[in-house]
């Protein structure tokens, strides 16, 4: 009598789980800064939140189900968020002229309160989070030849 060998492919679970943790931490951090600390986000921060918050939900389900095809519907959320964050970082560091700064009327992301550990600006954290999530999604996807 031979026992059947059950093969499991959990190689994609860890990147999905890490991507979810990043999206969750980013979403909770944004809510903490806005709701607990009372720092109103600028318009670009709102746009980034619009892409990050659904990622926390989508990636939670994908990690729970080990859905390695999640990149097909999560990258369309992550990629625009990354582009908005990259634009925001370019504004923050002055690579784009002052005339198009979105923080002119409301809260300013250049304020010292908008940094973590006193030196890392929030737009940079957002850019890193979207980049890490996108990278992890691509790492977790199924082998196209399989």
Protein backbone atom coordinates (compact mmCIF):
# COMPACT_ATOMS: atom_id res chain seq x y z
CA UNK A 1 0.00 0.00 0.00
CA UNK A 2 1.43 3.35 -0.99
CA UNK A 3 0.52 6.64 0.55
CA UNK A 4 -0.48 9.46 -1.71
CA UNK A 5 1.92 12.33 -1.64
CA UNK A 6 0.21 15.65 -1.28
CA UNK A 7 2.22 18.51 -2.68
CA UNK A 8 1.67 21.92 -1.29
CA UNK A 9 2.83 25.09 -2.89
CA UNK A 10 3.04 27.68 -0.16
CA UNK A 11 5.93 29.56 -1.75
CA UNK A 12 3.59 32.39 -2.65
CA UNK A 13 1.99 32.77 0.78
CA UNK A 14 4.79 34.63 2.56
CA UNK A 15 5.13 37.45 -0.03
CA UNK A 16 1.33 37.87 0.03
CA UNK A 17 1.33 37.97 3.81
CA UNK A 18 4.15 40.53 3.88
CA UNK A 19 2.40 42.68 1.25
CA UNK A 20 -0.76 42.57 3.37
CA UNK A 21 1.17 43.54 6.52
CA UNK A 22 2.66 46.54 4.72
CA UNK A 23 -0.74 47.64 3.39
CA UNK A 24 -2.32 47.14 6.80
CA UNK A 25 0.42 49.04 8.64
CA UNK A 26 0.25 51.86 6.07
CA UNK A 27 -3.53 52.11 6.36
CA UNK A 28 -3.52 52.02 10.15
CA UNK A 29 -0.67 54.54 10.24
CA UNK A 30 -2.57 56.92 7.96
CA UNK A 31 -5.67 56.58 10.11
CA UNK A 32 -3.65 57.15 13.29
CA UNK A 33 -2.01 60.30 11.91
CA UNK A 34 -5.31 61.66 10.63
CA UNK A 35 -7.77 60.62 13.31
CA UNK A 36 -5.72 60.36 16.51
CA UNK A 37 -3.04 62.99 15.89
CA UNK A 38 -5.47 65.29 14.07
CA UNK A 39 -3.20 65.92 11.07
CA UNK A 40 -5.41 66.54 8.06
CA UNK A 41 -3.91 64.96 4.94
CA UNK A 42 -3.19 66.95 1.80
CA UNK A 43 -4.93 66.10 -1.47
CA UNK A 44 -2.13 63.81 -2.69
CA UNK A 45 -2.18 61.95 0.62
CA UNK A 46 -5.92 61.42 0.14
CA UNK A 47 -5.32 59.97 -3.32
CA UNK A 48 -2.65 57.62 -1.97
CA UNK A 49 -5.03 56.50 0.78
CA UNK A 50 -7.67 55.79 -1.87
CA UNK A 51 -5.31 53.20 -3.36
CA UNK A 52 -3.78 51.85 -0.11
CA UNK A 53 -6.93 51.21 1.93
CA UNK A 54 -8.49 48.74 -0.55
CA UNK A 55 -5.12 46.99 -0.87
CA UNK A 56 -5.27 46.12 2.84
CA UNK A 57 -8.59 44.33 2.29
CA UNK A 58 -7.76 42.70 -1.04
CA UNK A 59 -4.39 41.43 0.18
CA UNK A 60 -5.91 40.07 3.41
CA UNK A 61 -8.28 37.88 1.39
CA UNK A 62 -5.51 36.89 -1.04
CA UNK A 63 -3.14 35.90 1.77
CA UNK A 64 -5.87 33.92 3.53
CA UNK A 65 -6.68 32.05 0.31
CA UNK A 66 -3.07 31.98 -0.96
CA UNK A 67 -4.37 33.53 -4.18
CA UNK A 68 -1.19 33.98 -6.16
CA UNK A 69 -3.16 35.55 -9.00
CA UNK A 70 -3.91 38.56 -6.80
CA UNK A 71 -1.31 40.55 -8.71
CA UNK A 72 -3.85 40.83 -11.55
CA UNK A 73 -6.22 42.92 -9.45
CA UNK A 74 -3.90 44.34 -6.78
CA UNK A 75 -1.26 45.83 -9.09
CA UNK A 76 -3.91 48.12 -10.65
CA UNK A 77 -4.27 49.56 -7.14
CA UNK A 78 -0.60 49.53 -6.20
CA UNK A 79 0.88 50.97 -9.40
CA UNK A 80 -1.17 54.21 -9.49
CA UNK A 81 -0.56 54.64 -5.77
CA UNK A 82 3.16 54.31 -6.44
CA UNK A 83 2.99 56.90 -9.23
CA UNK A 84 1.10 59.38 -7.06
CA UNK A 85 3.57 58.83 -4.22
CA UNK A 86 6.51 59.33 -6.61
CA UNK A 87 4.97 62.59 -7.80
CA UNK A 88 4.41 63.62 -4.17
CA UNK A 89 8.05 62.86 -3.29
CA UNK A 90 9.21 64.89 -6.30
CA UNK A 91 7.11 67.82 -5.04
CA UNK A 92 8.36 67.38 -1.50
CA UNK A 93 12.03 67.51 -2.49
CA UNK A 94 11.53 70.36 -4.96
CA UNK A 95 12.14 68.46 -8.20
CA UNK A 96 8.85 69.91 -9.47
CA UNK A 97 8.30 73.69 -9.42
CA UNK A 98 6.41 75.27 -6.53
CA UNK A 99 3.52 76.36 -8.78
CA UNK A 100 2.06 72.85 -8.74
CA UNK A 101 2.39 72.09 -5.03
CA UNK A 102 -0.90 70.51 -3.90
CA UNK A 103 -0.40 71.39 -0.23
CA UNK A 104 -0.82 75.14 -0.74
CA UNK A 105 -4.34 75.67 0.66
CA UNK A 106 -4.64 72.95 3.29
CA UNK A 107 -2.17 71.07 5.42
CA UNK A 108 1.41 70.89 4.26
CA UNK A 109 3.40 67.69 3.93
CA UNK A 110 6.57 69.73 4.31
CA UNK A 111 5.69 70.43 7.95
CA UNK A 112 8.01 68.88 10.55
CA UNK A 113 4.97 67.06 11.99
CA UNK A 114 4.70 65.08 8.77
CA UNK A 115 7.84 63.03 9.34
CA UNK A 116 8.54 59.78 11.13
CA UNK A 117 11.49 59.65 13.52
CA UNK A 118 12.01 63.34 12.79
CA UNK A 119 13.59 62.79 9.39
CA UNK A 120 11.61 60.44 7.10
CA UNK A 121 8.81 62.31 5.29
CA UNK A 122 5.45 60.58 5.02
CA UNK A 123 5.40 60.79 1.20
CA UNK A 124 8.65 58.79 1.14
CA UNK A 125 7.14 56.13 3.42
CA UNK A 126 4.17 55.88 1.09
CA UNK A 127 6.44 55.49 -1.94
CA UNK A 128 8.43 52.73 -0.20
CA UNK A 129 5.23 50.95 0.87
CA UNK A 130 3.74 50.94 -2.64
CA UNK A 131 7.07 49.83 -4.13
CA UNK A 132 7.41 46.99 -1.61
CA UNK A 133 3.82 45.83 -2.14
CA UNK A 134 4.25 45.84 -5.93
CA UNK A 135 7.52 43.91 -5.67
CA UNK A 136 6.01 41.34 -3.32
CA UNK A 137 2.99 40.90 -5.59
CA UNK A 138 5.23 40.17 -8.54
CA UNK A 139 7.28 37.78 -6.43
CA UNK A 140 4.18 35.88 -5.30
CA UNK A 141 2.60 35.44 -8.72
CA UNK A 142 2.39 32.07 -10.31
CA UNK A 143 4.98 30.94 -12.79
CA UNK A 144 3.47 31.83 -16.19
CA UNK A 145 4.77 28.58 -17.68
CA UNK A 146 2.96 26.43 -15.10
